[in-house]
PDB file of N, CA and C in Angstrom:
ATOM      1  N   MET A   1     -23.444 -18.985 -16.079  1.00  0.00           N
ATOM      2  CA  MET A   1     -22.642 -19.494 -17.184  1.00  0.00           C
ATOM      3  C   MET A   1     -22.380 -20.988 -16.956  1.00  0.00           C
ATOM      4  N   LEU A   2     -22.488 -21.750 -18.017  1.00  0.00           N
ATOM      5  CA  LEU A   2     -22.219 -23.180 -17.933  1.00  0.00           C
ATOM      6  C   LEU A   2     -20.766 -23.440 -17.554  1.00  0.00           C
ATOM      7  N   VAL A   3     -20.561 -24.436 -16.724  1.00  0.00           N
ATOM      8  CA  VAL A   3     -19.191 -24.838 -16.400  1.00  0.00           C
ATOM      9  C   VAL A   3     -18.572 -25.499 -17.618  1.00  0.00           C
ATOM     10  N   LEU A   4     -19.294 -26.455 -18.225  1.00  0.00           N
ATOM     11  CA  LEU A   4     -18.830 -27.142 -19.424  1.00  0.00           C
ATOM     12  C   LEU A   4     -19.916 -27.048 -20.485  1.00  0.00           C
ATOM     13  N   ASP A   5     -19.586 -26.420 -21.579  1.00  0.00           N
ATOM     14  CA  ASP A   5     -20.495 -26.333 -22.713  1.00  0.00           C
ATOM     15  C   ASP A   5     -20.345 -27.639 -23.493  1.00  0.00           C
ATOM     16  N   ARG A   6     -21.209 -28.588 -23.179  1.00  0.00           N
ATOM     17  CA  ARG A   6     -21.099 -29.929 -23.774  1.00  0.00           C
ATOM     18  C   ARG A   6     -21.309 -29.905 -25.282  1.00  0.00           C
ATOM     19  N   ALA A   7     -22.155 -29.026 -25.772  1.00  0.00           N
ATOM     20  CA  ALA A   7     -22.377 -28.943 -27.220  1.00  0.00           C
ATOM     21  C   ALA A   7     -21.101 -28.482 -27.925  1.00  0.00           C
ATOM     22  N   HIS A   8     -20.438 -27.495 -27.348  1.00  0.00           N
ATOM     23  CA  HIS A   8     -19.175 -27.016 -27.920  1.00  0.00           C
ATOM     24  C   HIS A   8     -18.124 -28.121 -27.896  1.00  0.00           C
ATOM     25  N   PHE A   9     -18.035 -28.803 -26.773  1.00  0.00           N
ATOM     26  CA  PHE A   9     -17.046 -29.877 -26.637  1.00  0.00           C
ATOM     27  C   PHE A   9     -17.342 -31.002 -27.630  1.00  0.00           C
ATOM     28  N   ALA A  10     -18.602 -31.346 -27.793  1.00  0.00           N
ATOM     29  CA  ALA A  10     -18.979 -32.374 -28.759  1.00  0.00           C
ATOM     30  C   ALA A  10     -18.611 -31.949 -30.169  1.00  0.00           C
ATOM     31  N   HIS A  11     -18.839 -30.679 -30.469  1.00  0.00           N
ATOM     32  CA  HIS A  11     -18.481 -30.159 -31.796  1.00  0.00           C
ATOM     33  C   HIS A  11     -16.972 -30.235 -32.021  1.00  0.00           C
ATOM     34  N   MET A  12     -16.198 -29.828 -31.029  1.00  0.00           N
ATOM     35  CA  MET A  12     -14.733 -29.793 -31.170  1.00  0.00           C
ATOM     36  C   MET A  12     -14.126 -31.194 -31.280  1.00  0.00           C
ATOM     37  N   THR A  13     -14.834 -32.195 -30.793  1.00  0.00           N
ATOM     38  CA  THR A  13     -14.323 -33.569 -30.817  1.00  0.00           C
ATOM     39  C   THR A  13     -15.129 -34.459 -31.765  1.00  0.00           C
ATOM     40  N   ALA A  14     -15.972 -33.855 -32.573  1.00  0.00           N
ATOM     41  CA  ALA A  14     -16.828 -34.580 -33.513  1.00  0.00           C
ATOM     42  C   ALA A  14     -17.647 -35.661 -32.801  1.00  0.00           C
ATOM     43  N   GLY A  15     -17.958 -35.434 -31.532  1.00  0.00           N
ATOM     44  CA  GLY A  15     -18.778 -36.364 -30.770  1.00  0.00           C
ATOM     45  C   GLY A  15     -18.095 -37.678 -30.433  1.00  0.00           C
ATOM     46  N   ASP A  16     -16.812 -37.756 -30.652  1.00  0.00           N
ATOM     47  CA  ASP A  16     -16.047 -38.994 -30.397  1.00  0.00           C
ATOM     48  C   ASP A  16     -15.772 -39.105 -28.897  1.00  0.00           C
ATOM     49  N   ARG A  17     -16.491 -40.004 -28.211  1.00  0.00           N
ATOM     50  CA  ARG A  17     -16.369 -40.129 -26.749  1.00  0.00           C
ATOM     51  C   ARG A  17     -14.957 -40.519 -26.326  1.00  0.00           C
ATOM     52  N   ALA A  18     -14.326 -41.405 -27.069  1.00  0.00           N
ATOM     53  CA  ALA A  18     -12.960 -41.806 -26.715  1.00  0.00           C
ATOM     54  C   ALA A  18     -12.022 -40.606 -26.795  1.00  0.00           C
ATOM     55  N   LEU A  19     -12.184 -39.793 -27.821  1.00  0.00           N
ATOM     56  CA  LEU A  19     -11.364 -38.586 -27.959  1.00  0.00           C
ATOM     57  C   LEU A  19     -11.665 -37.601 -26.837  1.00  0.00           C
ATOM     58  N   GLN A  20     -12.943 -37.464 -26.493  1.00  0.00           N
ATOM     59  CA  GLN A  20     -13.314 -36.560 -25.411  1.00  0.00           C
ATOM     60  C   GLN A  20     -12.642 -36.969 -24.105  1.00  0.00           C
ATOM     61  N   ILE A  21     -12.679 -38.253 -23.787  1.00  0.00           N
ATOM     62  CA  ILE A  21     -12.062 -38.733 -22.552  1.00  0.00           C
ATOM     63  C   ILE A  21     -10.553 -38.507 -22.600  1.00  0.00           C
ATOM     64  N   GLU A  22      -9.947 -38.720 -23.751  1.00  0.00           N
ATOM     65  CA  GLU A  22      -8.506 -38.482 -23.898  1.00  0.00           C
ATOM     66  C   GLU A  22      -8.170 -37.005 -23.695  1.00  0.00           C
ATOM     67  N   VAL A  23      -8.941 -36.122 -24.313  1.00  0.00           N
ATOM     68  CA  VAL A  23      -8.706 -34.679 -24.180  1.00  0.00           C
ATOM     69  C   VAL A  23      -8.863 -34.248 -22.722  1.00  0.00           C
ATOM     70  N   LEU A  24      -9.890 -34.740 -22.056  1.00  0.00           N
ATOM     71  CA  LEU A  24     -10.106 -34.386 -20.651  1.00  0.00           C
ATOM     72  C   LEU A  24      -8.968 -34.918 -19.785  1.00  0.00           C
ATOM     73  N   GLY A  25      -8.473 -36.082 -20.102  1.00  0.00           N
ATOM     74  CA  GLY A  25      -7.330 -36.631 -19.371  1.00  0.00           C
ATOM     75  C   GLY A  25      -6.098 -35.757 -19.529  1.00  0.00           C
ATOM     76  N   LEU A  26      -5.848 -35.297 -20.742  1.00  0.00           N
ATOM     77  CA  LEU A  26      -4.710 -34.405 -20.981  1.00  0.00           C
ATOM     78  C   LEU A  26      -4.882 -33.090 -20.222  1.00  0.00           C
ATOM     79  N   PHE A  27      -6.101 -32.580 -20.210  1.00  0.00           N
ATOM     80  CA  PHE A  27      -6.375 -31.345 -19.472  1.00  0.00           C
ATOM     81  C   PHE A  27      -6.072 -31.549 -17.995  1.00  0.00           C
ATOM     82  N   ARG A  28      -6.581 -32.642 -17.430  1.00  0.00           N
ATOM     83  CA  ARG A  28      -6.362 -32.910 -16.005  1.00  0.00           C
ATOM     84  C   ARG A  28      -4.876 -33.090 -15.687  1.00  0.00           C
ATOM     85  N   GLU A  29      -4.119 -33.681 -16.608  1.00  0.00           N
ATOM     86  CA  GLU A  29      -2.677 -33.856 -16.385  1.00  0.00           C
ATOM     87  C   GLU A  29      -1.966 -32.516 -16.239  1.00  0.00           C
ATOM     88  N   GLN A  30      -2.452 -31.508 -16.926  1.00  0.00           N
ATOM     89  CA  GLN A  30      -1.819 -30.189 -16.894  1.00  0.00           C
ATOM     90  C   GLN A  30      -2.227 -29.346 -15.688  1.00  0.00           C
ATOM     91  N   VAL A  31      -3.284 -29.747 -15.004  1.00  0.00           N
ATOM     92  CA  VAL A  31      -3.842 -28.940 -13.919  1.00  0.00           C
ATOM     93  C   VAL A  31      -2.810 -28.621 -12.839  1.00  0.00           C
ATOM     94  N   GLU A  32      -2.071 -29.602 -12.380  1.00  0.00           N
ATOM     95  CA  GLU A  32      -1.114 -29.337 -11.295  1.00  0.00           C
ATOM     96  C   GLU A  32      -0.038 -28.345 -11.735  1.00  0.00           C
ATOM     97  N   ASN A  33       0.385 -28.450 -12.961  1.00  0.00           N
ATOM     98  CA  ASN A  33       1.359 -27.495 -13.488  1.00  0.00           C
ATOM     99  C   ASN A  33       0.781 -26.077 -13.482  1.00  0.00           C
ATOM    100  N   TRP A  34      -0.463 -25.940 -13.969  1.00  0.00           N
ATOM    101  CA  TRP A  34      -1.097 -24.621 -13.979  1.00  0.00           C
ATOM    102  C   TRP A  34      -1.302 -24.101 -12.570  1.00  0.00           C
ATOM    103  N   ARG A  35      -1.727 -24.965 -11.666  1.00  0.00           N
ATOM    104  CA  ARG A  35      -1.932 -24.529 -10.270  1.00  0.00           C
ATOM    105  C   ARG A  35      -0.625 -24.012  -9.675  1.00  0.00           C
ATOM    106  N   ALA A  36       0.452 -24.718  -9.914  1.00  0.00           N
ATOM    107  CA  ALA A  36       1.750 -24.298  -9.380  1.00  0.00           C
ATOM    108  C   ALA A  36       2.154 -22.942  -9.956  1.00  0.00           C
ATOM    109  N   GLN A  37       1.944 -22.770 -11.251  1.00  0.00           N
ATOM    110  CA  GLN A  37       2.306 -21.492 -11.877  1.00  0.00           C
ATOM    111  C   GLN A  37       1.416 -20.354 -11.380  1.00  0.00           C
ATOM    112  N   LEU A  38       0.138 -20.635 -11.181  1.00  0.00           N
ATOM    113  CA  LEU A  38      -0.776 -19.604 -10.699  1.00  0.00           C
ATOM    114  C   LEU A  38      -0.489 -19.225  -9.250  1.00  0.00           C
ATOM    115  N   ALA A  39       0.033 -20.159  -8.475  1.00  0.00           N
ATOM    116  CA  ALA A  39       0.325 -19.900  -7.067  1.00  0.00           C
ATOM    117  C   ALA A  39       1.718 -19.322  -6.864  1.00  0.00           C
ATOM    118  N   GLY A  40       2.581 -19.481  -7.849  1.00  0.00           N
ATOM    119  CA  GLY A  40       3.971 -19.051  -7.705  1.00  0.00           C
ATOM    120  C   GLY A  40       4.155 -17.565  -7.922  1.00  0.00           C
ATOM    121  N   SER A  41       5.355 -17.158  -7.726  1.00  0.00           N
ATOM    122  CA  SER A  41       5.669 -15.738  -7.898  1.00  0.00           C
ATOM    123  C   SER A  41       6.107 -15.441  -9.322  1.00  0.00           C
ATOM    124  N   GLY A  42       6.087 -16.428 -10.176  1.00  0.00           N
ATOM    125  CA  GLY A  42       6.515 -16.251 -11.561  1.00  0.00           C
ATOM    126  C   GLY A  42       5.449 -15.576 -12.399  1.00  0.00           C
ATOM    127  N   ASP A  43       5.430 -15.915 -13.647  1.00  0.00           N
ATOM    128  CA  ASP A  43       4.518 -15.281 -14.595  1.00  0.00           C
ATOM    129  C   ASP A  43       3.146 -15.943 -14.548  1.00  0.00           C
ATOM    130  N   TRP A  44       2.381 -15.635 -13.517  1.00  0.00           N
ATOM    131  CA  TRP A  44       1.068 -16.232 -13.363  1.00  0.00           C
ATOM    132  C   TRP A  44       0.111 -15.746 -14.442  1.00  0.00           C
ATOM    133  N   ARG A  45       0.346 -14.561 -14.995  1.00  0.00           N
ATOM    134  CA  ARG A  45      -0.525 -14.073 -16.071  1.00  0.00           C
ATOM    135  C   ARG A  45      -0.392 -14.961 -17.313  1.00  0.00           C
ATOM    136  N   GLN A  46       0.823 -15.406 -17.596  1.00  0.00           N
ATOM    137  CA  GLN A  46       1.021 -16.313 -18.724  1.00  0.00           C
ATOM    138  C   GLN A  46       0.320 -17.640 -18.460  1.00  0.00           C
ATOM    139  N   ALA A  47       0.395 -18.124 -17.223  1.00  0.00           N
ATOM    140  CA  ALA A  47      -0.300 -19.366 -16.863  1.00  0.00           C
ATOM    141  C   ALA A  47      -1.809 -19.191 -17.025  1.00  0.00           C
ATOM    142  N   ALA A  48      -2.338 -18.057 -16.585  1.00  0.00           N
ATOM    143  CA  ALA A  48      -3.772 -17.781 -16.733  1.00  0.00           C
ATOM    144  C   ALA A  48      -4.151 -17.722 -18.212  1.00  0.00           C
ATOM    145  N   HIS A  49      -3.280 -17.140 -19.015  1.00  0.00           N
ATOM    146  CA  HIS A  49      -3.534 -17.047 -20.454  1.00  0.00           C
ATOM    147  C   HIS A  49      -3.564 -18.433 -21.093  1.00  0.00           C
ATOM    148  N   THR A  50      -2.606 -19.269 -20.750  1.00  0.00           N
ATOM    149  CA  THR A  50      -2.544 -20.632 -21.291  1.00  0.00           C
ATOM    150  C   THR A  50      -3.757 -21.444 -20.849  1.00  0.00           C
ATOM    151  N   LEU A  51      -4.088 -21.355 -19.584  1.00  0.00           N
ATOM    152  CA  LEU A  51      -5.248 -22.066 -19.052  1.00  0.00           C
ATOM    153  C   LEU A  51      -6.522 -21.572 -19.718  1.00  0.00           C
ATOM    154  N   LYS A  52      -6.622 -20.268 -19.944  1.00  0.00           N
ATOM    155  CA  LYS A  52      -7.797 -19.693 -20.613  1.00  0.00           C
ATOM    156  C   LYS A  52      -7.990 -20.324 -21.985  1.00  0.00           C
ATOM    157  N   GLY A  53      -6.930 -20.421 -22.759  1.00  0.00           N
ATOM    158  CA  GLY A  53      -7.030 -21.001 -24.093  1.00  0.00           C
ATOM    159  C   GLY A  53      -7.424 -22.465 -24.064  1.00  0.00           C
ATOM    160  N   SER A  54      -6.833 -23.210 -23.153  1.00  0.00           N
ATOM    161  CA  SER A  54      -7.173 -24.629 -23.029  1.00  0.00           C
ATOM    162  C   SER A  54      -8.621 -24.798 -22.601  1.00  0.00           C
ATOM    163  N   ALA A  55      -9.039 -23.997 -21.638  1.00  0.00           N
ATOM    164  CA  ALA A  55     -10.415 -24.076 -21.138  1.00  0.00           C
ATOM    165  C   ALA A  55     -11.408 -23.704 -22.233  1.00  0.00           C
ATOM    166  N   ARG A  56     -11.122 -22.647 -22.926  1.00  0.00           N
ATOM    167  CA  ARG A  56     -12.036 -22.193 -23.983  1.00  0.00           C
ATOM    168  C   ARG A  56     -12.144 -23.245 -25.093  1.00  0.00           C
ATOM    169  N   GLY A  57     -11.036 -23.894 -25.401  1.00  0.00           N
ATOM    170  CA  GLY A  57     -11.022 -24.890 -26.465  1.00  0.00           C
ATOM    171  C   GLY A  57     -11.938 -26.069 -26.215  1.00  0.00           C
ATOM    172  N   ILE A  58     -12.133 -26.414 -24.947  1.00  0.00           N
ATOM    173  CA  ILE A  58     -12.994 -27.563 -24.660  1.00  0.00           C
ATOM    174  C   ILE A  58     -14.342 -27.167 -24.064  1.00  0.00           C
ATOM    175  N   GLY A  59     -14.609 -25.881 -23.988  1.00  0.00           N
ATOM    176  CA  GLY A  59     -15.924 -25.435 -23.546  1.00  0.00           C
ATOM    177  C   GLY A  59     -16.063 -25.173 -22.062  1.00  0.00           C
ATOM    178  N   LEU A  60     -14.940 -24.988 -21.377  1.00  0.00           N
ATOM    179  CA  LEU A  60     -14.985 -24.623 -19.950  1.00  0.00           C
ATOM    180  C   LEU A  60     -15.034 -23.094 -19.856  1.00  0.00           C
ATOM    181  N   ASN A  61     -16.196 -22.554 -20.187  1.00  0.00           N
ATOM    182  CA  ASN A  61     -16.338 -21.111 -20.366  1.00  0.00           C
ATOM    183  C   ASN A  61     -16.194 -20.300 -19.088  1.00  0.00           C
ATOM    184  N   ALA A  62     -16.716 -20.798 -17.976  1.00  0.00           N
ATOM    185  CA  ALA A  62     -16.598 -20.057 -16.715  1.00  0.00           C
ATOM    186  C   ALA A  62     -15.130 -19.960 -16.298  1.00  0.00           C
ATOM    187  N   LEU A  63     -14.393 -21.036 -16.479  1.00  0.00           N
ATOM    188  CA  LEU A  63     -12.971 -21.021 -16.170  1.00  0.00           C
ATOM    189  C   LEU A  63     -12.230 -20.067 -17.091  1.00  0.00           C
ATOM    190  N   ALA A  64     -12.546 -20.107 -18.380  1.00  0.00           N
ATOM    191  CA  ALA A  64     -11.899 -19.201 -19.331  1.00  0.00           C
ATOM    192  C   ALA A  64     -12.171 -17.742 -18.964  1.00  0.00           C
ATOM    193  N   SER A  65     -13.393 -17.455 -18.549  1.00  0.00           N
ATOM    194  CA  SER A  65     -13.742 -16.078 -18.160  1.00  0.00           C
ATOM    195  C   SER A  65     -12.979 -15.642 -16.916  1.00  0.00           C
ATOM    196  N   ALA A  66     -12.857 -16.538 -15.943  1.00  0.00           N
ATOM    197  CA  ALA A  66     -12.106 -16.204 -14.728  1.00  0.00           C
ATOM    198  C   ALA A  66     -10.638 -15.945 -15.067  1.00  0.00           C
ATOM    199  N   CYS A  67     -10.092 -16.741 -15.960  1.00  0.00           N
ATOM    200  CA  CYS A  67      -8.696 -16.549 -16.375  1.00  0.00           C
ATOM    201  C   CYS A  67      -8.521 -15.225 -17.104  1.00  0.00           C
ATOM    202  N   GLU A  68      -9.475 -14.895 -17.946  1.00  0.00           N
ATOM    203  CA  GLU A  68      -9.411 -13.637 -18.685  1.00  0.00           C
ATOM    204  C   GLU A  68      -9.449 -12.446 -17.725  1.00  0.00           C
ATOM    205  N   ALA A  69     -10.297 -12.526 -16.713  1.00  0.00           N
ATOM    206  CA  ALA A  69     -10.370 -11.452 -15.718  1.00  0.00           C
ATOM    207  C   ALA A  69      -9.062 -11.356 -14.940  1.00  0.00           C
ATOM    208  N   ALA A  70      -8.468 -12.490 -14.615  1.00  0.00           N
ATOM    209  CA  ALA A  70      -7.202 -12.478 -13.879  1.00  0.00           C
ATOM    210  C   ALA A  70      -6.089 -11.863 -14.715  1.00  0.00           C
ATOM    211  N   GLU A  71      -6.072 -12.179 -15.995  1.00  0.00           N
ATOM    212  CA  GLU A  71      -5.046 -11.618 -16.882  1.00  0.00           C
ATOM    213  C   GLU A  71      -5.055 -10.095 -16.875  1.00  0.00           C
ATOM    214  N   SER A  72      -6.243  -9.533 -16.816  1.00  0.00           N
ATOM    215  CA  SER A  72      -6.343  -8.076 -16.893  1.00  0.00           C
ATOM    216  C   SER A  72      -6.406  -7.400 -15.523  1.00  0.00           C
ATOM    217  N   ALA A  73      -6.362  -8.183 -14.462  1.00  0.00           N
ATOM    218  CA  ALA A  73      -6.430  -7.607 -13.110  1.00  0.00           C
ATOM    219  C   ALA A  73      -5.157  -6.843 -12.780  1.00  0.00           C
ATOM    220  N   SER A  74      -5.327  -5.816 -11.998  1.00  0.00           N
ATOM    221  CA  SER A  74      -4.151  -5.091 -11.515  1.00  0.00           C
ATOM    222  C   SER A  74      -3.426  -5.964 -10.495  1.00  0.00           C
ATOM    223  N   ASP A  75      -2.210  -5.589 -10.189  1.00  0.00           N
ATOM    224  CA  ASP A  75      -1.474  -6.354  -9.182  1.00  0.00           C
ATOM    225  C   ASP A  75      -2.217  -6.362  -7.851  1.00  0.00           C
ATOM    226  N   ALA A  76      -2.854  -5.243  -7.517  1.00  0.00           N
ATOM    227  CA  ALA A  76      -3.598  -5.158  -6.259  1.00  0.00           C
ATOM    228  C   ALA A  76      -4.820  -6.082  -6.257  1.00  0.00           C
ATOM    229  N   GLN A  77      -5.393  -6.335  -7.418  1.00  0.00           N
ATOM    230  CA  GLN A  77      -6.574  -7.191  -7.527  1.00  0.00           C
ATOM    231  C   GLN A  77      -6.213  -8.653  -7.769  1.00  0.00           C
ATOM    232  N   SER A  78      -4.959  -8.933  -7.995  1.00  0.00           N
ATOM    233  CA  SER A  78      -4.562 -10.268  -8.447  1.00  0.00           C
ATOM    234  C   SER A  78      -4.895 -11.371  -7.452  1.00  0.00           C
ATOM    235  N   ILE A  79      -4.790 -11.116  -6.164  1.00  0.00           N
ATOM    236  CA  ILE A  79      -5.088 -12.158  -5.177  1.00  0.00           C
ATOM    237  C   ILE A  79      -6.534 -12.613  -5.322  1.00  0.00           C
ATOM    238  N   HIS A  80      -7.451 -11.665  -5.453  1.00  0.00           N
ATOM    239  CA  HIS A  80      -8.874 -12.010  -5.595  1.00  0.00           C
ATOM    240  C   HIS A  80      -9.147 -12.659  -6.944  1.00  0.00           C
ATOM    241  N   ALA A  81      -8.517 -12.140  -7.982  1.00  0.00           N
ATOM    242  CA  ALA A  81      -8.727 -12.691  -9.318  1.00  0.00           C
ATOM    243  C   ALA A  81      -8.205 -14.120  -9.397  1.00  0.00           C
ATOM    244  N   LEU A  82      -7.067 -14.375  -8.798  1.00  0.00           N
ATOM    245  CA  LEU A  82      -6.514 -15.731  -8.821  1.00  0.00           C
ATOM    246  C   LEU A  82      -7.342 -16.680  -7.964  1.00  0.00           C
ATOM    247  N   ALA A  83      -7.906 -16.194  -6.887  1.00  0.00           N
ATOM    248  CA  ALA A  83      -8.808 -17.029  -6.076  1.00  0.00           C
ATOM    249  C   ALA A  83     -10.022 -17.430  -6.913  1.00  0.00           C
ATOM    250  N   ASP A  84     -10.515 -16.500  -7.734  1.00  0.00           N
ATOM    251  CA  ASP A  84     -11.632 -16.821  -8.629  1.00  0.00           C
ATOM    252  C   ASP A  84     -11.231 -17.888  -9.641  1.00  0.00           C
ATOM    253  N   VAL A  85     -10.009 -17.803 -10.148  1.00  0.00           N
ATOM    254  CA  VAL A  85      -9.519 -18.809 -11.096  1.00  0.00           C
ATOM    255  C   VAL A  85      -9.471 -20.177 -10.421  1.00  0.00           C
ATOM    256  N   HIS A  86      -8.950 -20.225  -9.205  1.00  0.00           N
ATOM    257  CA  HIS A  86      -8.857 -21.500  -8.492  1.00  0.00           C
ATOM    258  C   HIS A  86     -10.247 -22.093  -8.219  1.00  0.00           C
ATOM    259  N   ARG A  87     -11.215 -21.251  -7.866  1.00  0.00           N
ATOM    260  CA  ARG A  87     -12.584 -21.733  -7.648  1.00  0.00           C
ATOM    261  C   ARG A  87     -13.187 -22.254  -8.956  1.00  0.00           C
ATOM    262  N   ALA A  88     -12.980 -21.512 -10.033  1.00  0.00           N
ATOM    263  CA  ALA A  88     -13.511 -21.938 -11.335  1.00  0.00           C
ATOM    264  C   ALA A  88     -12.837 -23.220 -11.806  1.00  0.00           C
ATOM    265  N   LEU A  89     -11.550 -23.359 -11.517  1.00  0.00           N
ATOM    266  CA  LEU A  89     -10.833 -24.579 -11.885  1.00  0.00           C
ATOM    267  C   LEU A  89     -11.375 -25.776 -11.107  1.00  0.00           C
ATOM    268  N   ALA A  90     -11.624 -25.593  -9.831  1.00  0.00           N
ATOM    269  CA  ALA A  90     -12.192 -26.681  -9.021  1.00  0.00           C
ATOM    270  C   ALA A  90     -13.565 -27.092  -9.555  1.00  0.00           C
ATOM    271  N   ALA A  91     -14.393 -26.110  -9.905  1.00  0.00           N
ATOM    272  CA  ALA A  91     -15.717 -26.406 -10.460  1.00  0.00           C
ATOM    273  C   ALA A  91     -15.586 -27.122 -11.803  1.00  0.00           C
ATOM    274  N   ALA A  92     -14.623 -26.707 -12.610  1.00  0.00           N
ATOM    275  CA  ALA A  92     -14.398 -27.342 -13.908  1.00  0.00           C
ATOM    276  C   ALA A  92     -13.989 -28.796 -13.730  1.00  0.00           C
ATOM    277  N   LEU A  93     -13.106 -29.055 -12.792  1.00  0.00           N
ATOM    278  CA  LEU A  93     -12.656 -30.429 -12.564  1.00  0.00           C
ATOM    279  C   LEU A  93     -13.802 -31.314 -12.072  1.00  0.00           C
ATOM    280  N   THR A  94     -14.654 -30.768 -11.225  1.00  0.00           N
ATOM    281  CA  THR A  94     -15.831 -31.515 -10.765  1.00  0.00           C
ATOM    282  C   THR A  94     -16.737 -31.844 -11.945  1.00  0.00           C
ATOM    283  N   GLU A  95     -16.953 -30.873 -12.805  1.00  0.00           N
ATOM    284  CA  GLU A  95     -17.809 -31.099 -13.973  1.00  0.00           C
ATOM    285  C   GLU A  95     -17.176 -32.099 -14.941  1.00  0.00           C
ATOM    286  N   LEU A  96     -15.869 -32.060 -15.089  1.00  0.00           N
ATOM    287  CA  LEU A  96     -15.201 -33.025 -15.966  1.00  0.00           C
ATOM    288  C   LEU A  96     -15.340 -34.443 -15.434  1.00  0.00           C
ATOM    289  N   GLU A  97     -15.306 -34.579 -14.105  1.00  0.00           N
ATOM    290  CA  GLU A  97     -15.511 -35.905 -13.507  1.00  0.00           C
ATOM    291  C   GLU A  97     -16.936 -36.396 -13.802  1.00  0.00           C
ATOM    292  N   ARG A  98     -17.916 -35.504 -13.713  1.00  0.00           N
ATOM    293  CA  ARG A  98     -19.294 -35.874 -14.060  1.00  0.00           C
ATOM    294  C   ARG A  98     -19.398 -36.297 -15.513  1.00  0.00           C
ATOM    295  N   PHE A  99     -18.756 -35.537 -16.378  1.00  0.00           N
ATOM    296  CA  PHE A  99     -18.788 -35.838 -17.794  1.00  0.00           C
ATOM    297  C   PHE A  99     -18.175 -37.211 -18.064  1.00  0.00           C
ATOM    298  N   ALA A 100     -17.032 -37.473 -17.457  1.00  0.00           N
ATOM    299  CA  ALA A 100     -16.356 -38.765 -17.634  1.00  0.00           C
ATOM    300  C   ALA A 100     -17.218 -39.911 -17.096  1.00  0.00           C
ATOM    301  N   ALA A 101     -17.891 -39.674 -15.968  1.00  0.00           N
ATOM    302  CA  ALA A 101     -18.761 -40.704 -15.399  1.00  0.00           C
ATOM    303  C   ALA A 101     -19.946 -40.975 -16.316  1.00  0.00           C
ATOM    304  N   ASP A 102     -20.454 -39.935 -16.956  1.00  0.00           N
ATOM    305  CA  ASP A 102     -21.565 -40.102 -17.901  1.00  0.00           C
ATOM    306  C   ASP A 102     -21.144 -40.940 -19.106  1.00  0.00           C
ATOM    307  N   ALA A 103     -19.859 -40.873 -19.432  1.00  0.00           N
ATOM    308  CA  ALA A 103     -19.335 -41.608 -20.589  1.00  0.00           C
ATOM    309  C   ALA A 103     -19.107 -43.067 -20.277  1.00  0.00           C
ATOM    310  N   ALA A 104     -19.022 -43.384 -18.993  1.00  0.00           N
ATOM    311  CA  ALA A 104     -18.708 -44.776 -18.594  1.00  0.00           C
ATOM    312  C   ALA A 104     -19.894 -45.684 -18.766  1.00  0.00           C
TER     313      ALA A 104
END
């Protein structure tokens, strides 16, 4: 599965590179908040749900899928499911950096 579906992202932003960079910046700003919520003892399922929607909106499909799996994981499976989310998030951030560098 693609980390970043560039065609989807281009469609959602009408191919506007400045808008794409702005959207990616906003996404990155939220990352630490999501990481804290996913690592905390609070409502990590809600954090996974929010992250899933944000990821899906910009074409981060692998991350969205990992979040979806975490949302439906049992409590016993949650540690592994959340580890998958963190790995997918790291891969997404790496891909976003590549995308931003391509825009420069």
